[in-house]
Amino acid sequence: MEGPLNPDNNPLFSNPANIPKDYWQRLKYDFYKIIFLGYETEVFRSERLIKIPSFPYRLNFQIYLIILKYLSVIDEREIYLTNNWVLAKDLEGGLHFFDKSHPLNVREIFERYGNIDDIKKACQIFSGVPIFLGDFAYDFFVFPEVKIRYIFYEGDEDFSPQITVNFQKGLDGYFNLDVIWAMVNVITKGLIEKK
């Protein structure tokens, strides 16, 4: 995503060091080891540092935001989500948030690749699990309990290619919409910038 809405291009949000201190102070423990998008992740509260050694691109503000919010949630309660799926507009406040101010710019994935096989290979970067929806689809495990689903439609001479993003119903009960938006941004960035 280009332009002012891209947090990576905004000096206030591009640097993980700019994460508000209270995100760190909410954590109960000094060290965490979790799986984020299929990658082993270590979080060090006292150093205010997150390490994901084999992650496909440089850690940024959005990655820190997602992980720190997740840890603050699981410190307090378990996350229970089912395989009931909704669109962004169906999340609480989602119609205005995603449609008006924070669009899901996933169409860039089709613009980046010349053929479908390359997109499917790119989906493996985050251990995408193929499912039988649309022309093809993948579930991405942001965390073991949290999935985001990308459904791909190849299009034809009458319709341009499209991607629908689905979320587990109730996700907005655990994460703010800006964190959910960041999850999609991180996945999309990984698919577009695949090594």
C-alpha atoms as a PDB file:
ATOM      1  CA  MET A   1       0.000   0.000   0.000  1.00  0.00           C
ATOM      2  CA  GLU A   2       1.348   3.395  -0.973  1.00  0.00           C
ATOM      3  CA  GLY A   3       0.465   6.867   0.228  1.00  0.00           C
ATOM      4  CA  PRO A   4      -0.288   8.439   3.604  1.00  0.00           C
ATOM      5  CA  LEU A   5      -2.435   5.560   4.862  1.00  0.00           C
ATOM      6  CA  ASN A   6       0.554   3.229   4.800  1.00  0.00           C
ATOM      7  CA  PRO A   7       1.911   3.250   8.376  1.00  0.00           C
ATOM      8  CA  ASP A   8       5.324   2.218   7.059  1.00  0.00           C
ATOM      9  CA  ASN A   9       5.539   5.560   5.229  1.00  0.00           C
ATOM     10  CA  ASN A  10       4.431   7.639   8.213  1.00  0.00           C
ATOM     11  CA  PRO A  11       7.332   8.740  10.457  1.00  0.00           C
ATOM     12  CA  LEU A  12       5.077   8.526  13.513  1.00  0.00           C
ATOM     13  CA  PHE A  13       4.307   4.864  12.902  1.00  0.00           C
ATOM     14  CA  SER A  14       7.076   3.379  10.776  1.00  0.00           C
ATOM     15  CA  ASN A  15       9.501   2.774  13.648  1.00  0.00           C
ATOM     16  CA  PRO A  16       8.632   0.072  16.224  1.00  0.00           C
ATOM     17  CA  ALA A  17      10.347   2.234  18.852  1.00  0.00           C
ATOM     18  CA  ASN A  18       7.343   4.571  18.580  1.00  0.00           C
ATOM     19  CA  ILE A  19       4.979   1.994  20.058  1.00  0.00           C
ATOM     20  CA  PRO A  20       3.457   3.648  23.144  1.00  0.00           C
ATOM     21  CA  LYS A  21       5.128   2.474  26.364  1.00  0.00           C
ATOM     22  CA  ASP A  22       1.842   1.345  27.852  1.00  0.00           C
ATOM     23  CA  TYR A  23       1.654  -1.470  25.282  1.00  0.00           C
ATOM     24  CA  TRP A  24       4.787  -2.900  26.887  1.00  0.00           C
ATOM     25  CA  GLN A  25       3.704  -2.079  30.440  1.00  0.00           C
ATOM     26  CA  ARG A  26       0.481  -4.088  30.027  1.00  0.00           C
ATOM     27  CA  LEU A  27       2.446  -7.310  29.601  1.00  0.00           C
ATOM     28  CA  LYS A  28       2.614  -9.612  32.620  1.00  0.00           C
ATOM     29  CA  TYR A  29       5.855 -11.398  31.791  1.00  0.00           C
ATOM     30  CA  ASP A  30       9.322 -10.374  30.705  1.00  0.00           C
ATOM     31  CA  PHE A  31       9.674 -13.038  27.995  1.00  0.00           C
ATOM     32  CA  TYR A  32       7.266 -14.686  25.574  1.00  0.00           C
ATOM     33  CA  LYS A  33       7.766 -17.280  22.860  1.00  0.00           C
ATOM     34  CA  ILE A  34       4.904 -17.511  20.372  1.00  0.00           C
ATOM     35  CA  ILE A  35       4.160 -18.389  16.749  1.00  0.00           C
ATOM     36  CA  PHE A  36       3.284 -15.406  14.529  1.00  0.00           C
ATOM     37  CA  LEU A  37       2.263 -16.141  10.933  1.00  0.00           C
ATOM     38  CA  GLY A  38       4.083 -19.456  11.105  1.00  0.00           C
ATOM     39  CA  TYR A  39       7.346 -18.002  12.475  1.00  0.00           C
ATOM     40  CA  GLU A  40       8.857 -18.553  15.919  1.00  0.00           C
ATOM     41  CA  THR A  41       8.767 -15.220  17.692  1.00  0.00           C
ATOM     42  CA  GLU A  42      10.474 -14.043  20.880  1.00  0.00           C
ATOM     43  CA  VAL A  43       9.316 -10.995  22.818  1.00  0.00           C
ATOM     44  CA  PHE A  44      11.483  -9.279  25.437  1.00  0.00           C
ATOM     45  CA  ARG A  45       9.512  -6.806  27.530  1.00  0.00           C
ATOM     46  CA  SER A  46      12.406  -5.178  29.402  1.00  0.00           C
ATOM     47  CA  GLU A  47      14.332  -4.573  26.168  1.00  0.00           C
ATOM     48  CA  ARG A  48      11.162  -3.634  24.259  1.00  0.00           C
ATOM     49  CA  LEU A  49      12.289  -5.954  21.523  1.00  0.00           C
ATOM     50  CA  ILE A  50      10.661  -8.543  19.271  1.00  0.00           C
ATOM     51  CA  LYS A  51      12.790 -11.057  17.376  1.00  0.00           C
ATOM     52  CA  ILE A  52      11.575 -13.135  14.423  1.00  0.00           C
ATOM     53  CA  PRO A  53      14.856 -14.379  12.917  1.00  0.00           C
ATOM     54  CA  SER A  54      13.559 -15.762   9.621  1.00  0.00           C
ATOM     55  CA  PHE A  55      10.719 -13.302   8.972  1.00  0.00           C
ATOM     56  CA  PRO A  56      10.500 -12.324   5.277  1.00  0.00           C
ATOM     57  CA  TYR A  57      10.908  -8.575   5.814  1.00  0.00           C
ATOM     58  CA  ARG A  58      12.033  -6.021   8.395  1.00  0.00           C
ATOM     59  CA  LEU A  59       9.866  -5.858  11.497  1.00  0.00           C
ATOM     60  CA  ASN A  60       7.800  -2.699  11.586  1.00  0.00           C
ATOM     61  CA  PHE A  61       5.379  -0.789  13.792  1.00  0.00           C
ATOM     62  CA  GLN A  62       2.371  -2.812  12.655  1.00  0.00           C
ATOM     63  CA  ILE A  63       4.003  -6.149  13.506  1.00  0.00           C
ATOM     64  CA  TYR A  64       4.898  -4.883  16.975  1.00  0.00           C
ATOM     65  CA  LEU A  65       1.365  -3.529  17.435  1.00  0.00           C
ATOM     66  CA  ILE A  66      -0.265  -6.848  16.469  1.00  0.00           C
ATOM     67  CA  ILE A  67       2.002  -8.977  18.659  1.00  0.00           C
ATOM     68  CA  LEU A  68       1.853  -6.724  21.720  1.00  0.00           C
ATOM     69  CA  LYS A  69      -1.931  -6.486  21.524  1.00  0.00           C
ATOM     70  CA  TYR A  70      -2.177 -10.274  21.207  1.00  0.00           C
ATOM     71  CA  LEU A  71       0.034 -10.800  24.263  1.00  0.00           C
ATOM     72  CA  SER A  72      -1.985  -8.344  26.331  1.00  0.00           C
ATOM     73  CA  VAL A  73      -5.150 -10.254  25.380  1.00  0.00           C
ATOM     74  CA  ILE A  74      -3.836 -13.743  26.156  1.00  0.00           C
ATOM     75  CA  ASP A  75      -2.375 -12.486  29.448  1.00  0.00           C
ATOM     76  CA  GLU A  76      -5.963 -11.801  30.521  1.00  0.00           C
ATOM     77  CA  ARG A  77      -8.027 -14.499  28.801  1.00  0.00           C
ATOM     78  CA  GLU A  78      -8.007 -17.257  26.228  1.00  0.00           C
ATOM     79  CA  ILE A  79      -9.066 -16.497  22.672  1.00  0.00           C
ATOM     80  CA  TYR A  80     -12.004 -18.591  21.451  1.00  0.00           C
ATOM     81  CA  LEU A  81     -12.856 -18.185  17.780  1.00  0.00           C
ATOM     82  CA  THR A  82     -14.770 -20.567  15.536  1.00  0.00           C
ATOM     83  CA  ASN A  83     -14.915 -21.261  11.813  1.00  0.00           C
ATOM     84  CA  ASN A  84     -17.778 -18.823  11.343  1.00  0.00           C
ATOM     85  CA  TRP A  85     -16.593 -16.150   8.928  1.00  0.00           C
ATOM     86  CA  VAL A  86     -17.561 -12.542   8.246  1.00  0.00           C
ATOM     87  CA  LEU A  87     -16.461  -9.728   5.964  1.00  0.00           C
ATOM     88  CA  ALA A  88     -14.707  -6.597   7.228  1.00  0.00           C
ATOM     89  CA  LYS A  89     -17.946  -4.618   7.005  1.00  0.00           C
ATOM     90  CA  ASP A  90     -19.605  -7.100   9.380  1.00  0.00           C
ATOM     91  CA  LEU A  91     -17.145  -6.411  12.206  1.00  0.00           C
ATOM     92  CA  GLU A  92     -18.334  -3.887  14.805  1.00  0.00           C
ATOM     93  CA  GLY A  93     -17.734  -0.477  13.203  1.00  0.00           C
ATOM     94  CA  GLY A  94     -16.193  -2.172  10.187  1.00  0.00           C
ATOM     95  CA  LEU A  95     -18.478  -0.702   7.542  1.00  0.00           C
ATOM     96  CA  HIS A  96     -17.209   2.823   8.178  1.00  0.00           C
ATOM     97  CA  PHE A  97     -13.650   1.946   9.220  1.00  0.00           C
ATOM     98  CA  PHE A  98     -12.675  -0.307   6.320  1.00  0.00           C
ATOM     99  CA  ASP A  99     -14.793   1.263   3.613  1.00  0.00           C
ATOM    100  CA  LYS A 100     -14.071   4.916   4.346  1.00  0.00           C
ATOM    101  CA  SER A 101     -10.713   5.356   6.048  1.00  0.00           C
ATOM    102  CA  HIS A 102      -8.770   2.060   6.065  1.00  0.00           C
ATOM    103  CA  PRO A 103      -9.413   0.061   2.879  1.00  0.00           C
ATOM    104  CA  LEU A 104      -8.015  -3.438   2.511  1.00  0.00           C
ATOM    105  CA  ASN A 105      -5.679  -2.963  -0.443  1.00  0.00           C
ATOM    106  CA  VAL A 106      -5.288  -6.626  -1.330  1.00  0.00           C
ATOM    107  CA  ARG A 107      -5.756  -6.192  -5.091  1.00  0.00           C
ATOM    108  CA  GLU A 108      -2.049  -5.310  -5.245  1.00  0.00           C
ATOM    109  CA  ILE A 109      -1.354  -9.044  -4.963  1.00  0.00           C
ATOM    110  CA  PHE A 110      -2.815  -9.695  -8.418  1.00  0.00           C
ATOM    111  CA  GLU A 111      -0.963  -6.645  -9.762  1.00  0.00           C
ATOM    112  CA  ARG A 112       2.352  -8.012  -8.453  1.00  0.00           C
ATOM    113  CA  TYR A 113       2.221 -11.453 -10.086  1.00  0.00           C
ATOM    114  CA  GLY A 114       1.895 -12.569 -13.662  1.00  0.00           C
ATOM    115  CA  ASN A 115       0.228 -15.893 -12.954  1.00  0.00           C
ATOM    116  CA  ILE A 116      -1.796 -17.763 -10.376  1.00  0.00           C
ATOM    117  CA  ASP A 117       0.919 -20.315  -9.570  1.00  0.00           C
ATOM    118  CA  ASP A 118       3.193 -17.507  -8.377  1.00  0.00           C
ATOM    119  CA  ILE A 119       0.489 -16.227  -6.029  1.00  0.00           C
ATOM    120  CA  LYS A 120       0.012 -19.731  -4.628  1.00  0.00           C
ATOM    121  CA  LYS A 121       3.756 -20.049  -4.031  1.00  0.00           C
ATOM    122  CA  ALA A 122       3.776 -16.651  -2.325  1.00  0.00           C
ATOM    123  CA  CYS A 123       1.026 -17.807   0.037  1.00  0.00           C
ATOM    124  CA  GLN A 124       3.456 -20.388   1.416  1.00  0.00           C
ATOM    125  CA  ILE A 125       5.631 -17.630   2.885  1.00  0.00           C
ATOM    126  CA  PHE A 126       3.216 -17.415   5.814  1.00  0.00           C
ATOM    127  CA  SER A 127       2.387 -21.141   5.774  1.00  0.00           C
ATOM    128  CA  GLY A 128      -0.947 -20.446   4.111  1.00  0.00           C
ATOM    129  CA  VAL A 129      -3.282 -23.434   4.297  1.00  0.00           C
ATOM    130  CA  PRO A 130      -5.158 -23.997   1.007  1.00  0.00           C
ATOM    131  CA  ILE A 131      -8.935 -24.374   1.219  1.00  0.00           C
ATOM    132  CA  PHE A 132     -11.572 -24.976  -1.438  1.00  0.00           C
ATOM    133  CA  LEU A 133     -13.301 -21.630  -1.916  1.00  0.00           C
ATOM    134  CA  GLY A 134     -13.439 -19.199  -4.832  1.00  0.00           C
ATOM    135  CA  ASP A 135     -10.942 -20.099  -7.541  1.00  0.00           C
ATOM    136  CA  PHE A 136      -8.467 -20.759  -4.747  1.00  0.00           C
ATOM    137  CA  ALA A 137      -8.140 -19.621  -1.130  1.00  0.00           C
ATOM    138  CA  TYR A 138      -5.793 -19.703   1.851  1.00  0.00           C
ATOM    139  CA  ASP A 139      -6.141 -19.457   5.606  1.00  0.00           C
ATOM    140  CA  PHE A 140      -3.294 -17.583   7.295  1.00  0.00           C
ATOM    141  CA  PHE A 141      -2.737 -18.281  10.990  1.00  0.00           C
ATOM    142  CA  VAL A 142      -1.786 -14.903  12.412  1.00  0.00           C
ATOM    143  CA  PHE A 143      -1.600 -16.741  15.739  1.00  0.00           C
ATOM    144  CA  PRO A 144      -2.586 -20.339  16.474  1.00  0.00           C
ATOM    145  CA  GLU A 145      -6.094 -19.206  17.497  1.00  0.00           C
ATOM    146  CA  VAL A 146      -6.482 -16.408  14.933  1.00  0.00           C
ATOM    147  CA  LYS A 147      -6.955 -16.967  11.203  1.00  0.00           C
ATOM    148  CA  ILE A 148      -7.527 -14.596   8.310  1.00  0.00           C
ATOM    149  CA  ARG A 149      -8.857 -16.023   5.051  1.00  0.00           C
ATOM    150  CA  TYR A 150      -8.009 -14.746   1.558  1.00  0.00           C
ATOM    151  CA  ILE A 151     -10.336 -15.938  -1.206  1.00  0.00           C
ATOM    152  CA  PHE A 152      -9.007 -15.383  -4.727  1.00  0.00           C
ATOM    153  CA  TYR A 153     -11.155 -14.969  -7.848  1.00  0.00           C
ATOM    154  CA  GLU A 154      -9.123 -15.022 -11.043  1.00  0.00           C
ATOM    155  CA  GLY A 155     -11.617 -12.976 -13.049  1.00  0.00           C
ATOM    156  CA  ASP A 156     -12.327 -13.168 -16.766  1.00  0.00           C
ATOM    157  CA  GLU A 157     -12.977 -10.859 -19.697  1.00  0.00           C
ATOM    158  CA  ASP A 158     -16.006  -9.389 -17.896  1.00  0.00           C
ATOM    159  CA  PHE A 159     -14.700  -9.201 -14.318  1.00  0.00           C
ATOM    160  CA  SER A 160     -11.315  -8.165 -13.009  1.00  0.00           C
ATOM    161  CA  PRO A 161      -9.492 -10.426 -10.513  1.00  0.00           C
ATOM    162  CA  GLN A 162     -10.623  -9.938  -6.929  1.00  0.00           C
ATOM    163  CA  ILE A 163      -9.646 -10.984  -3.438  1.00  0.00           C
ATOM    164  CA  THR A 164     -12.130 -11.256  -0.588  1.00  0.00           C
ATOM    165  CA  VAL A 165     -10.780 -11.179   2.959  1.00  0.00           C
ATOM    166  CA  ASN A 166     -12.756 -13.040   5.627  1.00  0.00           C
ATOM    167  CA  PHE A 167     -12.382 -12.815   9.392  1.00  0.00           C
ATOM    168  CA  GLN A 168     -13.419 -15.153  12.150  1.00  0.00           C
ATOM    169  CA  LYS A 169     -16.664 -13.920  13.689  1.00  0.00           C
ATOM    170  CA  GLY A 170     -15.916 -12.345  17.066  1.00  0.00           C
ATOM    171  CA  LEU A 171     -12.373 -11.282  16.204  1.00  0.00           C
ATOM    172  CA  ASP A 172     -13.372  -7.690  16.961  1.00  0.00           C
ATOM    173  CA  GLY A 173     -14.111  -8.758  20.529  1.00  0.00           C
ATOM    174  CA  TYR A 174     -10.387  -9.280  21.066  1.00  0.00           C
ATOM    175  CA  PHE A 175      -8.675  -6.841  18.700  1.00  0.00           C
ATOM    176  CA  ASN A 176      -9.316  -3.221  17.743  1.00  0.00           C
ATOM    177  CA  LEU A 177     -10.089  -2.603  14.080  1.00  0.00           C
ATOM    178  CA  ASP A 178      -6.738  -0.880  13.523  1.00  0.00           C
ATOM    179  CA  VAL A 179      -4.985  -4.037  14.732  1.00  0.00           C
ATOM    180  CA  ILE A 180      -7.121  -6.220  12.453  1.00  0.00           C
ATOM    181  CA  TRP A 181      -6.319  -3.848   9.565  1.00  0.00           C
ATOM    182  CA  ALA A 182      -2.617  -4.169  10.429  1.00  0.00           C
ATOM    183  CA  MET A 183      -2.896  -7.981  10.275  1.00  0.00           C
ATOM    184  CA  VAL A 184      -4.127  -7.764   6.694  1.00  0.00           C
ATOM    185  CA  ASN A 185      -1.429  -5.212   5.818  1.00  0.00           C
ATOM    186  CA  VAL A 186       1.318  -7.486   7.150  1.00  0.00           C
ATOM    187  CA  ILE A 187       0.052 -10.535   5.244  1.00  0.00           C
ATOM    188  CA  THR A 188      -0.419  -8.558   2.020  1.00  0.00           C
ATOM    189  CA  LYS A 189       3.013  -6.959   2.313  1.00  0.00           C
ATOM    190  CA  GLY A 190       4.550 -10.404   2.746  1.00  0.00           C
ATOM    191  CA  LEU A 191       2.783 -11.759  -0.318  1.00  0.00           C
ATOM    192  CA  ILE A 192       3.795  -8.775  -2.450  1.00  0.00           C
ATOM    193  CA  GLU A 193       7.394  -8.571  -1.256  1.00  0.00           C
ATOM    194  CA  LYS A 194       8.095 -12.298  -1.190  1.00  0.00           C
ATOM    195  CA  LYS A 195      11.772 -13.034  -1.689  1.00  0.00           C
END
